[in-house]
N, C-alpha and C. Protein backbone atom coordinates (compact mmCIF):
# COMPACT_ATOMS: atom_id res chain seq x y z
N MET A 1 0.84 -1.19 0.00
CA MET A 1 0.00 0.00 0.00
C MET A 1 0.88 1.25 0.00
N GLU A 2 0.69 2.10 -0.96
CA GLU A 2 1.45 3.34 -0.99
C GLU A 2 0.85 4.35 -0.03
N CYS A 3 1.70 5.16 0.56
CA CYS A 3 1.22 6.23 1.42
C CYS A 3 1.75 7.55 0.87
N SER A 4 1.26 8.64 1.41
CA SER A 4 1.68 9.94 0.90
C SER A 4 2.91 10.48 1.61
N VAL A 5 3.43 9.75 2.60
CA VAL A 5 4.57 10.24 3.36
C VAL A 5 5.86 9.55 2.95
N CYS A 6 5.86 8.23 2.93
CA CYS A 6 7.11 7.48 2.74
C CYS A 6 7.34 6.98 1.32
N CYS A 7 6.32 6.88 0.52
CA CYS A 7 6.45 6.24 -0.78
C CYS A 7 7.18 7.11 -1.79
N PRO A 8 7.81 6.48 -2.75
CA PRO A 8 8.57 7.25 -3.74
C PRO A 8 7.71 8.00 -4.73
N LYS A 9 6.42 7.76 -4.77
CA LYS A 9 5.54 8.48 -5.69
C LYS A 9 4.62 9.40 -4.90
N ILE A 10 4.24 10.50 -5.50
CA ILE A 10 3.24 11.36 -4.88
C ILE A 10 1.88 10.76 -5.16
N ARG A 11 1.10 10.54 -4.10
CA ARG A 11 -0.25 10.01 -4.27
C ARG A 11 -1.20 11.19 -4.33
N GLN A 12 -2.10 11.17 -5.26
CA GLN A 12 -3.06 12.26 -5.41
C GLN A 12 -4.20 12.08 -4.42
N ILE A 13 -4.57 13.15 -3.74
CA ILE A 13 -5.73 13.14 -2.86
C ILE A 13 -6.97 13.25 -3.73
N GLY A 14 -8.00 12.50 -3.41
CA GLY A 14 -9.20 12.42 -4.23
C GLY A 14 -9.89 13.75 -4.49
N PRO A 15 -10.27 14.52 -3.46
CA PRO A 15 -11.07 15.72 -3.73
C PRO A 15 -10.28 16.81 -4.45
N VAL A 16 -11.01 17.62 -5.15
CA VAL A 16 -10.41 18.78 -5.82
C VAL A 16 -10.70 19.98 -4.95
N VAL A 17 -9.66 20.73 -4.61
CA VAL A 17 -9.79 21.90 -3.75
C VAL A 17 -9.63 23.16 -4.59
N ARG A 18 -10.66 24.00 -4.62
CA ARG A 18 -10.64 25.24 -5.39
C ARG A 18 -10.16 25.01 -6.82
N GLY A 19 -10.67 23.95 -7.44
CA GLY A 19 -10.36 23.70 -8.84
C GLY A 19 -9.02 23.06 -9.12
N ALA A 20 -8.21 22.78 -8.10
CA ALA A 20 -6.90 22.18 -8.32
C ALA A 20 -6.79 20.87 -7.55
N ARG A 21 -6.32 19.84 -8.20
CA ARG A 21 -6.10 18.58 -7.50
C ARG A 21 -4.83 18.76 -6.66
N ILE A 22 -4.89 18.38 -5.41
CA ILE A 22 -3.79 18.62 -4.48
C ILE A 22 -2.99 17.34 -4.26
N ALA A 23 -1.68 17.43 -4.39
CA ALA A 23 -0.81 16.31 -4.05
C ALA A 23 -0.57 16.35 -2.55
N ALA A 24 -0.59 15.20 -1.90
CA ALA A 24 -0.51 15.16 -0.44
C ALA A 24 0.81 15.69 0.08
N THR A 25 1.92 15.21 -0.40
CA THR A 25 3.22 15.66 0.11
C THR A 25 4.28 15.51 -0.96
N ILE A 26 5.44 16.00 -0.67
CA ILE A 26 6.61 15.74 -1.50
C ILE A 26 7.07 14.33 -1.16
N PRO A 27 7.35 13.51 -2.13
CA PRO A 27 7.75 12.13 -1.81
C PRO A 27 9.08 12.08 -1.08
N LEU A 28 9.16 11.17 -0.12
CA LEU A 28 10.39 10.96 0.63
C LEU A 28 10.88 9.55 0.39
N GLN A 29 12.16 9.38 0.30
CA GLN A 29 12.75 8.05 0.15
C GLN A 29 12.62 7.31 1.47
N ALA A 30 12.10 6.10 1.44
CA ALA A 30 11.96 5.29 2.65
C ALA A 30 13.34 4.91 3.16
N ILE A 31 13.53 4.97 4.48
CA ILE A 31 14.82 4.57 5.07
C ILE A 31 14.72 3.19 5.72
N ALA A 32 13.50 2.66 5.83
CA ALA A 32 13.28 1.31 6.33
C ALA A 32 12.01 0.77 5.70
N SER A 33 11.94 -0.53 5.49
CA SER A 33 10.77 -1.08 4.81
C SER A 33 9.55 -1.17 5.72
N GLY A 34 9.71 -1.45 6.99
CA GLY A 34 8.58 -1.61 7.90
C GLY A 34 7.66 -0.40 7.95
N PRO A 35 8.18 0.80 8.28
CA PRO A 35 7.31 1.97 8.34
C PRO A 35 6.67 2.31 7.00
N ALA A 36 7.36 2.07 5.90
CA ALA A 36 6.80 2.39 4.59
C ALA A 36 5.60 1.50 4.26
N GLU A 37 5.58 0.32 4.83
CA GLU A 37 4.48 -0.61 4.57
C GLU A 37 3.30 -0.41 5.50
N ALA A 38 3.50 0.28 6.61
CA ALA A 38 2.42 0.49 7.58
C ALA A 38 1.47 1.57 7.07
N ALA A 39 0.19 1.37 7.30
CA ALA A 39 -0.81 2.36 6.88
C ALA A 39 -0.70 3.59 7.77
N HIS A 40 -0.92 4.76 7.19
CA HIS A 40 -0.92 6.00 7.97
C HIS A 40 -2.34 6.31 8.42
N SER A 41 -2.44 7.06 9.48
CA SER A 41 -3.76 7.40 10.02
C SER A 41 -4.44 8.46 9.16
N GLY A 42 -5.73 8.59 9.33
CA GLY A 42 -6.48 9.63 8.64
C GLY A 42 -6.00 11.01 9.03
N ILE A 43 -5.57 11.16 10.27
CA ILE A 43 -5.05 12.45 10.74
C ILE A 43 -3.83 12.84 9.93
N ARG A 44 -2.94 11.88 9.68
CA ARG A 44 -1.73 12.15 8.89
C ARG A 44 -2.12 12.66 7.51
N GLU A 45 -3.14 12.06 6.90
CA GLU A 45 -3.56 12.49 5.58
C GLU A 45 -4.13 13.90 5.60
N VAL A 46 -4.89 14.24 6.64
CA VAL A 46 -5.43 15.59 6.77
C VAL A 46 -4.30 16.60 6.92
N VAL A 47 -3.31 16.28 7.75
CA VAL A 47 -2.16 17.18 7.93
C VAL A 47 -1.40 17.33 6.62
N ASN A 48 -1.23 16.24 5.89
CA ASN A 48 -0.54 16.32 4.60
C ASN A 48 -1.28 17.25 3.64
N LEU A 49 -2.59 17.16 3.63
CA LEU A 49 -3.39 18.04 2.78
C LEU A 49 -3.24 19.50 3.22
N ALA A 50 -3.23 19.73 4.55
CA ALA A 50 -3.07 21.09 5.08
C ALA A 50 -1.73 21.69 4.66
N LEU A 51 -0.71 20.86 4.57
CA LEU A 51 0.62 21.35 4.19
C LEU A 51 0.64 21.99 2.81
N VAL A 52 -0.23 21.54 1.93
CA VAL A 52 -0.20 22.04 0.56
C VAL A 52 -1.43 22.89 0.22
N THR A 53 -2.24 23.24 1.23
CA THR A 53 -3.43 24.04 1.00
C THR A 53 -3.14 25.49 1.36
N PRO A 54 -3.10 26.39 0.36
CA PRO A 54 -2.81 27.80 0.64
C PRO A 54 -3.84 28.40 1.61
N GLY A 55 -3.34 29.18 2.58
CA GLY A 55 -4.22 29.87 3.53
C GLY A 55 -4.73 29.00 4.66
N CYS A 56 -4.32 27.74 4.71
CA CYS A 56 -4.79 26.84 5.76
C CYS A 56 -4.17 27.25 7.09
N ILE A 57 -5.01 27.35 8.13
CA ILE A 57 -4.52 27.65 9.48
C ILE A 57 -4.34 26.31 10.18
N ARG A 58 -3.10 25.95 10.45
CA ARG A 58 -2.79 24.65 11.02
C ARG A 58 -2.71 24.73 12.53
N LEU A 59 -3.59 24.01 13.20
CA LEU A 59 -3.63 24.02 14.65
C LEU A 59 -3.30 22.66 15.27
N GLU A 60 -2.93 21.69 14.45
CA GLU A 60 -2.77 20.33 14.97
C GLU A 60 -1.67 20.19 16.01
N VAL A 61 -0.68 21.03 16.00
CA VAL A 61 0.38 20.96 17.01
C VAL A 61 0.43 22.23 17.84
N GLY A 62 -0.62 23.02 17.78
CA GLY A 62 -0.67 24.23 18.59
C GLY A 62 0.28 25.31 18.13
N GLU A 63 0.62 25.33 16.86
CA GLU A 63 1.53 26.33 16.32
C GLU A 63 0.91 27.03 15.12
N PRO A 64 -0.11 27.89 15.37
CA PRO A 64 -0.72 28.59 14.25
C PRO A 64 0.26 29.58 13.62
N ASN A 65 -0.09 30.05 12.45
CA ASN A 65 0.80 30.98 11.74
C ASN A 65 0.50 32.43 12.09
N PHE A 66 -0.03 32.66 13.29
CA PHE A 66 -0.29 34.02 13.77
C PHE A 66 -0.09 34.05 15.28
N SER A 67 0.15 35.23 15.82
CA SER A 67 0.37 35.38 17.26
C SER A 67 -0.95 35.30 18.01
N THR A 68 -0.87 34.86 19.25
CA THR A 68 -2.05 34.81 20.11
C THR A 68 -2.46 36.23 20.45
N PRO A 69 -3.74 36.58 20.26
CA PRO A 69 -4.20 37.93 20.59
C PRO A 69 -3.93 38.26 22.06
N THR A 70 -3.60 39.51 22.33
CA THR A 70 -3.21 39.97 23.67
C THR A 70 -4.26 39.64 24.72
N HIS A 71 -5.54 39.83 24.42
CA HIS A 71 -6.57 39.58 25.43
C HIS A 71 -6.63 38.10 25.83
N ILE A 72 -6.27 37.22 24.92
CA ILE A 72 -6.25 35.79 25.24
C ILE A 72 -5.04 35.46 26.11
N VAL A 73 -3.90 36.06 25.79
CA VAL A 73 -2.70 35.86 26.62
C VAL A 73 -2.96 36.35 28.04
N GLU A 74 -3.56 37.53 28.16
CA GLU A 74 -3.84 38.09 29.49
C GLU A 74 -4.83 37.22 30.27
N ALA A 75 -5.84 36.69 29.60
CA ALA A 75 -6.81 35.82 30.27
C ALA A 75 -6.12 34.53 30.74
N ALA A 76 -5.22 33.98 29.93
CA ALA A 76 -4.50 32.76 30.32
C ALA A 76 -3.62 33.02 31.54
N VAL A 77 -2.96 34.16 31.57
CA VAL A 77 -2.12 34.51 32.72
C VAL A 77 -2.98 34.66 33.97
N ASP A 78 -4.13 35.33 33.85
CA ASP A 78 -5.03 35.49 35.00
C ASP A 78 -5.48 34.13 35.53
N PHE A 79 -5.87 33.23 34.64
CA PHE A 79 -6.31 31.90 35.08
C PHE A 79 -5.17 31.15 35.75
N ALA A 80 -3.97 31.24 35.20
CA ALA A 80 -2.82 30.55 35.78
C ALA A 80 -2.52 31.10 37.18
N ARG A 81 -2.60 32.40 37.36
CA ARG A 81 -2.36 33.01 38.68
C ARG A 81 -3.39 32.55 39.71
N LYS A 82 -4.60 32.27 39.26
CA LYS A 82 -5.67 31.79 40.15
C LYS A 82 -5.58 30.28 40.39
N GLY A 83 -4.62 29.63 39.73
CA GLY A 83 -4.47 28.19 39.89
C GLY A 83 -5.42 27.37 39.05
N GLU A 84 -6.09 27.99 38.11
CA GLU A 84 -7.03 27.28 37.25
C GLU A 84 -6.29 26.75 36.02
N VAL A 85 -5.54 25.68 36.24
CA VAL A 85 -4.68 25.16 35.19
C VAL A 85 -4.94 23.69 34.88
N LYS A 86 -6.08 23.17 35.30
CA LYS A 86 -6.42 21.76 35.07
C LYS A 86 -7.17 21.60 33.76
N TYR A 87 -7.11 20.40 33.21
CA TYR A 87 -7.93 20.08 32.04
C TYR A 87 -9.39 20.01 32.46
N THR A 88 -10.28 20.32 31.55
CA THR A 88 -11.71 20.16 31.82
C THR A 88 -12.09 18.70 31.65
N ALA A 89 -13.31 18.38 32.02
CA ALA A 89 -13.84 17.04 31.75
C ALA A 89 -13.88 16.85 30.24
N THR A 90 -13.90 15.62 29.80
CA THR A 90 -13.88 15.35 28.36
C THR A 90 -15.04 16.00 27.64
N ALA A 91 -16.18 16.09 28.30
CA ALA A 91 -17.36 16.72 27.68
C ALA A 91 -17.21 18.23 27.57
N GLY A 92 -16.23 18.80 28.25
CA GLY A 92 -16.04 20.25 28.22
C GLY A 92 -16.83 20.95 29.31
N LEU A 93 -16.73 22.26 29.35
CA LEU A 93 -17.43 23.06 30.35
C LEU A 93 -18.90 23.19 29.98
N LEU A 94 -19.77 22.95 30.95
CA LEU A 94 -21.21 23.06 30.71
C LEU A 94 -21.57 24.47 30.24
N SER A 95 -20.97 25.49 30.87
CA SER A 95 -21.29 26.88 30.48
C SER A 95 -20.92 27.15 29.02
N LEU A 96 -19.80 26.61 28.56
CA LEU A 96 -19.40 26.79 27.17
C LEU A 96 -20.33 26.04 26.23
N ARG A 97 -20.68 24.81 26.59
CA ARG A 97 -21.60 24.03 25.76
C ARG A 97 -22.95 24.73 25.63
N GLU A 98 -23.44 25.31 26.74
CA GLU A 98 -24.72 26.02 26.70
C GLU A 98 -24.64 27.25 25.79
N ARG A 99 -23.52 27.96 25.84
CA ARG A 99 -23.34 29.13 24.96
C ARG A 99 -23.26 28.71 23.50
N LEU A 100 -22.60 27.59 23.22
CA LEU A 100 -22.52 27.10 21.85
C LEU A 100 -23.89 26.72 21.32
N VAL A 101 -24.70 26.06 22.15
CA VAL A 101 -26.05 25.70 21.74
C VAL A 101 -26.85 26.97 21.42
N SER A 102 -26.72 27.97 22.28
CA SER A 102 -27.43 29.24 22.07
C SER A 102 -27.01 29.90 20.76
N LYS A 103 -25.71 29.92 20.49
CA LYS A 103 -25.21 30.51 19.25
C LYS A 103 -25.70 29.75 18.04
N LEU A 104 -25.67 28.42 18.10
CA LEU A 104 -26.11 27.60 16.97
C LEU A 104 -27.58 27.81 16.69
N GLU A 105 -28.39 27.96 17.74
CA GLU A 105 -29.83 28.22 17.56
C GLU A 105 -30.03 29.61 16.95
N ARG A 106 -29.36 30.60 17.52
CA ARG A 106 -29.55 32.01 17.11
C ARG A 106 -28.99 32.29 15.73
N VAL A 107 -27.77 31.89 15.47
CA VAL A 107 -27.07 32.25 14.24
C VAL A 107 -27.31 31.24 13.11
N ASN A 108 -27.26 29.96 13.46
CA ASN A 108 -27.30 28.92 12.45
C ASN A 108 -28.68 28.28 12.29
N GLY A 109 -29.59 28.60 13.20
CA GLY A 109 -30.94 28.05 13.10
C GLY A 109 -31.02 26.56 13.32
N ILE A 110 -30.09 26.02 14.10
CA ILE A 110 -30.13 24.57 14.39
C ILE A 110 -30.15 24.33 15.89
């Protein structure tokens, strides 16, 4: 099975984006046979597509191509000073979920 990361050929991604067929990545020479034969995850394919999509804002590793707005930095510092540095429950904050539902009803009609 060819992949878009390790294989010597560029594999074409199925969908056409803004009228142009996008190649997933620049081909890399495999340095070992085992990894080249292993299937890549769907996430890897999405990241590969993002690499060649103009204007794409990549957040998968927390390194966007723009600076964090000042008000967000200040809010993060305030929360850290208050000791609010824990992860939320997997479901997220109830207050945020309620606000999202309200926005979706009001703006999106769903």
